[in-house]
Amino acid sequence: MAGHEWEDWFEREEFIGQISDIRVQNLQVEREVVQKRTFTRWMNLHLEKCDPPTEVQDLFRDIQDGRVLMALLEELSGCQL
């Protein structure tokens, strides 16, 4: 009987650990989503001042070729690069 209680305790603790791991992973994903959205908004705030105005829809896809980053650098520095 006592052995069964210990087994239940270990199973419970393992289950709680798994739930904690999932919660941590979910928080990390949520943090990354918030950071991506925040940086995209910040970039768009500056890119709307470009001539012609530029807008980022998908941060990772839109910056791959470097043109958006160059436009952002030019806007932030005030120099034509």
PDB file of N, CA and C in Angstrom:
ATOM      1  N   MET A   1       0.820  -1.192   0.000  1.00  0.00           N
ATOM      2  CA  MET A   1       0.000   0.000   0.000  1.00  0.00           C
ATOM      3  C   MET A   1       0.866   1.259   0.000  1.00  0.00           C
ATOM      4  N   ALA A   2       1.875   1.270   0.867  1.00  0.00           N
ATOM      5  CA  ALA A   2       2.740   2.451   0.942  1.00  0.00           C
ATOM      6  C   ALA A   2       3.489   2.653  -0.363  1.00  0.00           C
ATOM      7  N   GLY A   3       3.914   1.579  -1.018  1.00  0.00           N
ATOM      8  CA  GLY A   3       4.604   1.686  -2.293  1.00  0.00           C
ATOM      9  C   GLY A   3       3.722   2.309  -3.353  1.00  0.00           C
ATOM     10  N   HIS A   4       2.458   2.004  -3.319  1.00  0.00           N
ATOM     11  CA  HIS A   4       1.511   2.570  -4.286  1.00  0.00           C
ATOM     12  C   HIS A   4       1.373   4.078  -4.099  1.00  0.00           C
ATOM     13  N   GLU A   5       1.386   4.544  -2.839  1.00  0.00           N
ATOM     14  CA  GLU A   5       1.293   5.974  -2.574  1.00  0.00           C
ATOM     15  C   GLU A   5       2.501   6.707  -3.136  1.00  0.00           C
ATOM     16  N   TRP A   6       3.691   6.132  -2.961  1.00  0.00           N
ATOM     17  CA  TRP A   6       4.908   6.759  -3.497  1.00  0.00           C
ATOM     18  C   TRP A   6       4.857   6.813  -5.015  1.00  0.00           C
ATOM     19  N   GLU A   7       4.373   5.730  -5.613  1.00  0.00           N
ATOM     20  CA  GLU A   7       4.269   5.687  -7.071  1.00  0.00           C
ATOM     21  C   GLU A   7       3.316   6.770  -7.560  1.00  0.00           C
ATOM     22  N   ASP A   8       2.184   6.933  -6.869  1.00  0.00           N
ATOM     23  CA  ASP A   8       1.242   7.988  -7.228  1.00  0.00           C
ATOM     24  C   ASP A   8       1.875   9.361  -7.063  1.00  0.00           C
ATOM     25  N   TRP A   9       2.666   9.533  -5.988  1.00  0.00           N
ATOM     26  CA  TRP A   9       3.314  10.818  -5.736  1.00  0.00           C
ATOM     27  C   TRP A   9       4.289  11.159  -6.861  1.00  0.00           C
ATOM     28  N   PHE A  10       5.112  10.163  -7.254  1.00  0.00           N
ATOM     29  CA  PHE A  10       6.074  10.405  -8.333  1.00  0.00           C
ATOM     30  C   PHE A  10       5.366  10.700  -9.651  1.00  0.00           C
ATOM     31  N   GLU A  11       4.309   9.977  -9.935  1.00  0.00           N
ATOM     32  CA  GLU A  11       3.545  10.225 -11.160  1.00  0.00           C
ATOM     33  C   GLU A  11       2.937  11.627 -11.132  1.00  0.00           C
ATOM     34  N   ARG A  12       2.435  12.031  -9.981  1.00  0.00           N
ATOM     35  CA  ARG A  12       1.851  13.362  -9.830  1.00  0.00           C
ATOM     36  C   ARG A  12       2.913  14.436 -10.042  1.00  0.00           C
ATOM     37  N   GLU A  13       4.063  14.267  -9.418  1.00  0.00           N
ATOM     38  CA  GLU A  13       5.146  15.241  -9.558  1.00  0.00           C
ATOM     39  C   GLU A  13       5.642  15.315 -11.001  1.00  0.00           C
ATOM     40  N   GLU A  14       5.732  14.181 -11.666  1.00  0.00           N
ATOM     41  CA  GLU A  14       6.148  14.158 -13.067  1.00  0.00           C
ATOM     42  C   GLU A  14       5.119  14.889 -13.929  1.00  0.00           C
ATOM     43  N   PHE A  15       3.861  14.661 -13.662  1.00  0.00           N
ATOM     44  CA  PHE A  15       2.790  15.322 -14.406  1.00  0.00           C
ATOM     45  C   PHE A  15       2.838  16.834 -14.183  1.00  0.00           C
ATOM     46  N   ILE A  16       3.025  17.251 -12.930  1.00  0.00           N
ATOM     47  CA  ILE A  16       3.130  18.685 -12.619  1.00  0.00           C
ATOM     48  C   ILE A  16       4.333  19.282 -13.341  1.00  0.00           C
ATOM     49  N   GLY A  17       5.449  18.562 -13.375  1.00  0.00           N
ATOM     50  CA  GLY A  17       6.631  19.033 -14.097  1.00  0.00           C
ATOM     51  C   GLY A  17       6.369  19.203 -15.579  1.00  0.00           C
ATOM     52  N   GLN A  18       5.640  18.259 -16.165  1.00  0.00           N
ATOM     53  CA  GLN A  18       5.308  18.357 -17.585  1.00  0.00           C
ATOM     54  C   GLN A  18       4.409  19.567 -17.858  1.00  0.00           C
ATOM     55  N   ILE A  19       3.444  19.789 -16.970  1.00  0.00           N
ATOM     56  CA  ILE A  19       2.564  20.951 -17.124  1.00  0.00           C
ATOM     57  C   ILE A  19       3.377  22.230 -17.018  1.00  0.00           C
ATOM     58  N   SER A  20       4.309  22.276 -16.078  1.00  0.00           N
ATOM     59  CA  SER A  20       5.157  23.462 -15.920  1.00  0.00           C
ATOM     60  C   SER A  20       5.994  23.704 -17.167  1.00  0.00           C
ATOM     61  N   ASP A  21       6.554  22.640 -17.728  1.00  0.00           N
ATOM     62  CA  ASP A  21       7.349  22.778 -18.958  1.00  0.00           C
ATOM     63  C   ASP A  21       6.504  23.340 -20.095  1.00  0.00           C
ATOM     64  N   ILE A  22       5.288  22.859 -20.227  1.00  0.00           N
ATOM     65  CA  ILE A  22       4.391  23.333 -21.284  1.00  0.00           C
ATOM     66  C   ILE A  22       4.066  24.800 -21.062  1.00  0.00           C
ATOM     67  N   ARG A  23       3.809  25.195 -19.814  1.00  0.00           N
ATOM     68  CA  ARG A  23       3.499  26.594 -19.518  1.00  0.00           C
ATOM     69  C   ARG A  23       4.678  27.507 -19.854  1.00  0.00           C
ATOM     70  N   VAL A  24       5.892  27.054 -19.534  1.00  0.00           N
ATOM     71  CA  VAL A  24       7.086  27.840 -19.839  1.00  0.00           C
ATOM     72  C   VAL A  24       7.239  27.985 -21.352  1.00  0.00           C
ATOM     73  N   GLN A  25       7.047  26.894 -22.089  1.00  0.00           N
ATOM     74  CA  GLN A  25       7.146  26.952 -23.554  1.00  0.00           C
ATOM     75  C   GLN A  25       6.096  27.895 -24.128  1.00  0.00           C
ATOM     76  N   ASN A  26       4.875  27.834 -23.611  1.00  0.00           N
ATOM     77  CA  ASN A  26       3.814  28.723 -24.091  1.00  0.00           C
ATOM     78  C   ASN A  26       4.150  30.182 -23.811  1.00  0.00           C
ATOM     79  N   LEU A  27       4.708  30.470 -22.645  1.00  0.00           N
ATOM     80  CA  LEU A  27       5.099  31.836 -22.323  1.00  0.00           C
ATOM     81  C   LEU A  27       6.216  32.325 -23.232  1.00  0.00           C
ATOM     82  N   GLN A  28       7.162  31.439 -23.568  1.00  0.00           N
ATOM     83  CA  GLN A  28       8.246  31.820 -24.471  1.00  0.00           C
ATOM     84  C   GLN A  28       7.711  32.146 -25.856  1.00  0.00           C
ATOM     85  N   VAL A  29       6.801  31.328 -26.347  1.00  0.00           N
ATOM     86  CA  VAL A  29       6.196  31.571 -27.662  1.00  0.00           C
ATOM     87  C   VAL A  29       5.419  32.884 -27.639  1.00  0.00           C
ATOM     88  N   GLU A  30       4.650  33.102 -26.580  1.00  0.00           N
ATOM     89  CA  GLU A  30       3.881  34.339 -26.472  1.00  0.00           C
ATOM     90  C   GLU A  30       4.804  35.555 -26.439  1.00  0.00           C
ATOM     91  N   ARG A  31       5.910  35.452 -25.727  1.00  0.00           N
ATOM     92  CA  ARG A  31       6.864  36.560 -25.649  1.00  0.00           C
ATOM     93  C   ARG A  31       7.464  36.855 -27.023  1.00  0.00           C
ATOM     94  N   GLU A  32       7.809  35.807 -27.757  1.00  0.00           N
ATOM     95  CA  GLU A  32       8.364  35.995 -29.100  1.00  0.00           C
ATOM     96  C   GLU A  32       7.347  36.657 -30.025  1.00  0.00           C
ATOM     97  N   VAL A  33       6.091  36.265 -29.932  1.00  0.00           N
ATOM     98  CA  VAL A  33       5.037  36.850 -30.771  1.00  0.00           C
ATOM     99  C   VAL A  33       4.882  38.332 -30.442  1.00  0.00           C
ATOM    100  N   VAL A  34       4.884  38.668 -29.149  1.00  0.00           N
ATOM    101  CA  VAL A  34       4.747  40.064 -28.732  1.00  0.00           C
ATOM    102  C   VAL A  34       5.942  40.879 -29.220  1.00  0.00           C
ATOM    103  N   GLN A  35       7.153  40.329 -29.094  1.00  0.00           N
ATOM    104  CA  GLN A  35       8.344  41.050 -29.547  1.00  0.00           C
ATOM    105  C   GLN A  35       8.322  41.262 -31.060  1.00  0.00           C
ATOM    106  N   LYS A  36       7.911  40.246 -31.804  1.00  0.00           N
ATOM    107  CA  LYS A  36       7.841  40.366 -33.263  1.00  0.00           C
ATOM    108  C   LYS A  36       6.824  41.431 -33.659  1.00  0.00           C
ATOM    109  N   ARG A  37       5.660  41.411 -33.027  1.00  0.00           N
ATOM    110  CA  ARG A  37       4.617  42.392 -33.334  1.00  0.00           C
ATOM    111  C   ARG A  37       5.077  43.805 -32.964  1.00  0.00           C
ATOM    112  N   THR A  38       5.731  43.947 -31.814  1.00  0.00           N
ATOM    113  CA  THR A  38       6.206  45.256 -31.363  1.00  0.00           C
ATOM    114  C   THR A  38       7.263  45.806 -32.309  1.00  0.00           C
ATOM    115  N   PHE A  39       8.227  44.969 -32.699  1.00  0.00           N
ATOM    116  CA  PHE A  39       9.285  45.423 -33.606  1.00  0.00           C
ATOM    117  C   PHE A  39       8.724  45.758 -34.980  1.00  0.00           C
ATOM    118  N   THR A  40       7.755  44.975 -35.447  1.00  0.00           N
ATOM    119  CA  THR A  40       7.122  45.252 -36.739  1.00  0.00           C
ATOM    120  C   THR A  40       6.423  46.607 -36.701  1.00  0.00           C
ATOM    121  N   ARG A  41       5.704  46.881 -35.625  1.00  0.00           N
ATOM    122  CA  ARG A  41       5.029  48.187 -35.500  1.00  0.00           C
ATOM    123  C   ARG A  41       6.036  49.321 -35.461  1.00  0.00           C
ATOM    124  N   TRP A  42       7.130  49.131 -34.734  1.00  0.00           N
ATOM    125  CA  TRP A  42       8.172  50.162 -34.644  1.00  0.00           C
ATOM    126  C   TRP A  42       8.779  50.430 -36.016  1.00  0.00           C
ATOM    127  N   MET A  43       9.074  49.345 -36.758  1.00  0.00           N
ATOM    128  CA  MET A  43       9.627  49.510 -38.102  1.00  0.00           C
ATOM    129  C   MET A  43       8.649  50.255 -38.996  1.00  0.00           C
ATOM    130  N   ASN A  44       7.382  49.860 -38.958  1.00  0.00           N
ATOM    131  CA  ASN A  44       6.385  50.492 -39.822  1.00  0.00           C
ATOM    132  C   ASN A  44       6.192  51.970 -39.491  1.00  0.00           C
ATOM    133  N   LEU A  45       6.335  52.325 -38.228  1.00  0.00           N
ATOM    134  CA  LEU A  45       6.255  53.725 -37.832  1.00  0.00           C
ATOM    135  C   LEU A  45       7.310  54.556 -38.562  1.00  0.00           C
ATOM    136  N   HIS A  46       8.512  54.013 -38.692  1.00  0.00           N
ATOM    137  CA  HIS A  46       9.593  54.714 -39.384  1.00  0.00           C
ATOM    138  C   HIS A  46       9.499  54.557 -40.901  1.00  0.00           C
ATOM    139  N   LEU A  47       9.085  53.391 -41.364  1.00  0.00           N
ATOM    140  CA  LEU A  47       9.033  53.140 -42.802  1.00  0.00           C
ATOM    141  C   LEU A  47       7.929  53.926 -43.510  1.00  0.00           C
ATOM    142  N   GLU A  48       6.912  54.342 -42.768  1.00  0.00           N
ATOM    143  CA  GLU A  48       5.850  55.138 -43.414  1.00  0.00           C
ATOM    144  C   GLU A  48       6.353  56.523 -43.793  1.00  0.00           C
ATOM    145  N   LYS A  49       7.501  56.938 -43.267  1.00  0.00           N
ATOM    146  CA  LYS A  49       8.094  58.234 -43.600  1.00  0.00           C
ATOM    147  C   LYS A  49       8.943  58.165 -44.872  1.00  0.00           C
ATOM    148  N   CYS A  50       9.207  56.966 -45.362  1.00  0.00           N
ATOM    149  CA  CYS A  50      10.034  56.795 -46.572  1.00  0.00           C
ATOM    150  C   CYS A  50       9.281  57.288 -47.797  1.00  0.00           C
ATOM    151  N   ASP A  51      10.045  57.529 -48.859  1.00  0.00           N
ATOM    152  CA  ASP A  51       9.451  57.928 -50.136  1.00  0.00           C
ATOM    153  C   ASP A  51       9.866  56.918 -51.189  1.00  0.00           C
ATOM    154  N   PRO A  52       9.018  56.023 -51.613  1.00  0.00           N
ATOM    155  CA  PRO A  52       7.626  55.829 -51.217  1.00  0.00           C
ATOM    156  C   PRO A  52       7.546  55.110 -49.866  1.00  0.00           C
ATOM    157  N   PRO A  53       6.416  55.300 -49.153  1.00  0.00           N
ATOM    158  CA  PRO A  53       6.250  54.615 -47.869  1.00  0.00           C
ATOM    159  C   PRO A  53       6.313  53.098 -48.042  1.00  0.00           C
ATOM    160  N   THR A  54       6.905  52.450 -47.085  1.00  0.00           N
ATOM    161  CA  THR A  54       7.049  50.992 -47.105  1.00  0.00           C
ATOM    162  C   THR A  54       6.367  50.435 -45.870  1.00  0.00           C
ATOM    163  N   GLU A  55       5.860  49.215 -45.980  1.00  0.00           N
ATOM    164  CA  GLU A  55       5.212  48.586 -44.831  1.00  0.00           C
ATOM    165  C   GLU A  55       5.634  47.131 -44.732  1.00  0.00           C
ATOM    166  N   VAL A  56       5.906  46.699 -43.516  1.00  0.00           N
ATOM    167  CA  VAL A  56       6.254  45.304 -43.241  1.00  0.00           C
ATOM    168  C   VAL A  56       4.983  44.584 -42.817  1.00  0.00           C
ATOM    169  N   GLN A  57       4.679  43.493 -43.502  1.00  0.00           N
ATOM    170  CA  GLN A  57       3.543  42.647 -43.130  1.00  0.00           C
ATOM    171  C   GLN A  57       4.025  41.457 -42.302  1.00  0.00           C
ATOM    172  N   ASP A  58       4.998  40.739 -42.828  1.00  0.00           N
ATOM    173  CA  ASP A  58       5.586  39.586 -42.145  1.00  0.00           C
ATOM    174  C   ASP A  58       7.059  39.904 -41.929  1.00  0.00           C
ATOM    175  N   LEU A  59       7.435  40.148 -40.700  1.00  0.00           N
ATOM    176  CA  LEU A  59       8.775  40.632 -40.379  1.00  0.00           C
ATOM    177  C   LEU A  59       9.866  39.768 -40.989  1.00  0.00           C
ATOM    178  N   PHE A  60       9.836  38.484 -40.750  1.00  0.00           N
ATOM    179  CA  PHE A  60      10.929  37.617 -41.199  1.00  0.00           C
ATOM    180  C   PHE A  60      10.981  37.475 -42.713  1.00  0.00           C
ATOM    181  N   ARG A  61       9.842  37.428 -43.359  1.00  0.00           N
ATOM    182  CA  ARG A  61       9.812  37.303 -44.812  1.00  0.00           C
ATOM    183  C   ARG A  61      10.210  38.619 -45.479  1.00  0.00           C
ATOM    184  N   ASP A  62       9.691  39.721 -44.955  1.00  0.00           N
ATOM    185  CA  ASP A  62       9.879  41.013 -45.611  1.00  0.00           C
ATOM    186  C   ASP A  62      11.290  41.579 -45.483  1.00  0.00           C
ATOM    187  N   ILE A  63      12.061  41.139 -44.519  1.00  0.00           N
ATOM    188  CA  ILE A  63      13.419  41.683 -44.368  1.00  0.00           C
ATOM    189  C   ILE A  63      14.483  40.787 -44.987  1.00  0.00           C
ATOM    190  N   GLN A  64      14.090  39.677 -45.579  1.00  0.00           N
ATOM    191  CA  GLN A  64      15.061  38.712 -46.106  1.00  0.00           C
ATOM    192  C   GLN A  64      15.969  39.289 -47.182  1.00  0.00           C
ATOM    193  N   ASP A  65      15.431  40.080 -48.095  1.00  0.00           N
ATOM    194  CA  ASP A  65      16.263  40.560 -49.203  1.00  0.00           C
ATOM    195  C   ASP A  65      17.071  41.808 -48.843  1.00  0.00           C
ATOM    196  N   GLY A  66      16.814  42.418 -47.681  1.00  0.00           N
ATOM    197  CA  GLY A  66      17.609  43.547 -47.223  1.00  0.00           C
ATOM    198  C   GLY A  66      17.107  44.914 -47.647  1.00  0.00           C
ATOM    199  N   ARG A  67      16.179  44.965 -48.599  1.00  0.00           N
ATOM    200  CA  ARG A  67      15.707  46.281 -49.068  1.00  0.00           C
ATOM    201  C   ARG A  67      14.974  47.056 -47.983  1.00  0.00           C
ATOM    202  N   VAL A  68      14.146  46.368 -47.215  1.00  0.00           N
ATOM    203  CA  VAL A  68      13.410  47.033 -46.147  1.00  0.00           C
ATOM    204  C   VAL A  68      14.381  47.503 -45.063  1.00  0.00           C
ATOM    205  N   LEU A  69      15.376  46.676 -44.752  1.00  0.00           N
ATOM    206  CA  LEU A  69      16.366  47.076 -43.754  1.00  0.00           C
ATOM    207  C   LEU A  69      17.164  48.293 -44.212  1.00  0.00           C
ATOM    208  N   MET A  70      17.500  48.341 -45.493  1.00  0.00           N
ATOM    209  CA  MET A  70      18.217  49.506 -46.022  1.00  0.00           C
ATOM    210  C   MET A  70      17.343  50.756 -45.939  1.00  0.00           C
ATOM    211  N   ALA A  71      16.075  50.612 -46.284  1.00  0.00           N
ATOM    212  CA  ALA A  71      15.161  51.751 -46.196  1.00  0.00           C
ATOM    213  C   ALA A  71      15.046  52.225 -44.743  1.00  0.00           C
ATOM    214  N   LEU A  72      14.989  51.295 -43.819  1.00  0.00           N
ATOM    215  CA  LEU A  72      14.908  51.650 -42.400  1.00  0.00           C
ATOM    216  C   LEU A  72      16.179  52.361 -41.947  1.00  0.00           C
ATOM    217  N   LEU A  73      17.338  51.825 -42.343  1.00  0.00           N
ATOM    218  CA  LEU A  73      18.608  52.465 -41.986  1.00  0.00           C
ATOM    219  C   LEU A  73      18.713  53.874 -42.565  1.00  0.00           C
ATOM    220  N   GLU A  74      18.291  54.022 -43.799  1.00  0.00           N
ATOM    221  CA  GLU A  74      18.315  55.361 -44.408  1.00  0.00           C
ATOM    222  C   GLU A  74      17.399  56.318 -43.654  1.00  0.00           C
ATOM    223  N   GLU A  75      16.227  55.864 -43.282  1.00  0.00           N
ATOM    224  CA  GLU A  75      15.292  56.724 -42.558  1.00  0.00           C
ATOM    225  C   GLU A  75      15.827  57.076 -41.182  1.00  0.00           C
ATOM    226  N   LEU A  76      16.395  56.115 -40.477  1.00  0.00           N
ATOM    227  CA  LEU A  76      16.901  56.373 -39.129  1.00  0.00           C
ATOM    228  C   LEU A  76      18.155  57.249 -39.139  1.00  0.00           C
ATOM    229  N   SER A  77      19.020  57.052 -40.140  1.00  0.00           N
ATOM    230  CA  SER A  77      20.266  57.801 -40.177  1.00  0.00           C
ATOM    231  C   SER A  77      20.115  59.161 -40.856  1.00  0.00           C
ATOM    232  N   GLY A  78      19.107  59.275 -41.704  1.00  0.00           N
ATOM    233  CA  GLY A  78      18.937  60.498 -42.464  1.00  0.00           C
ATOM    234  C   GLY A  78      19.892  60.608 -43.638  1.00  0.00           C
ATOM    235  N   CYS A  79      20.583  59.534 -43.958  1.00  0.00           N
ATOM    236  CA  CYS A  79      21.542  59.503 -45.078  1.00  0.00           C
ATOM    237  C   CYS A  79      21.084  58.533 -46.138  1.00  0.00           C
ATOM    238  N   GLN A  80      21.375  58.861 -47.395  1.00  0.00           N
ATOM    239  CA  GLN A  80      21.116  57.947 -48.500  1.00  0.00           C
ATOM    240  C   GLN A  80      22.263  56.951 -48.557  1.00  0.00           C
ATOM    241  N   LEU A  81      21.954  55.677 -48.410  1.00  0.00           N
ATOM    242  CA  LEU A  81      23.005  54.645 -48.396  1.00  0.00           C
ATOM    243  C   LEU A  81      23.120  53.953 -49.738  1.00  0.00           C
TER     244      LEU A  81
END
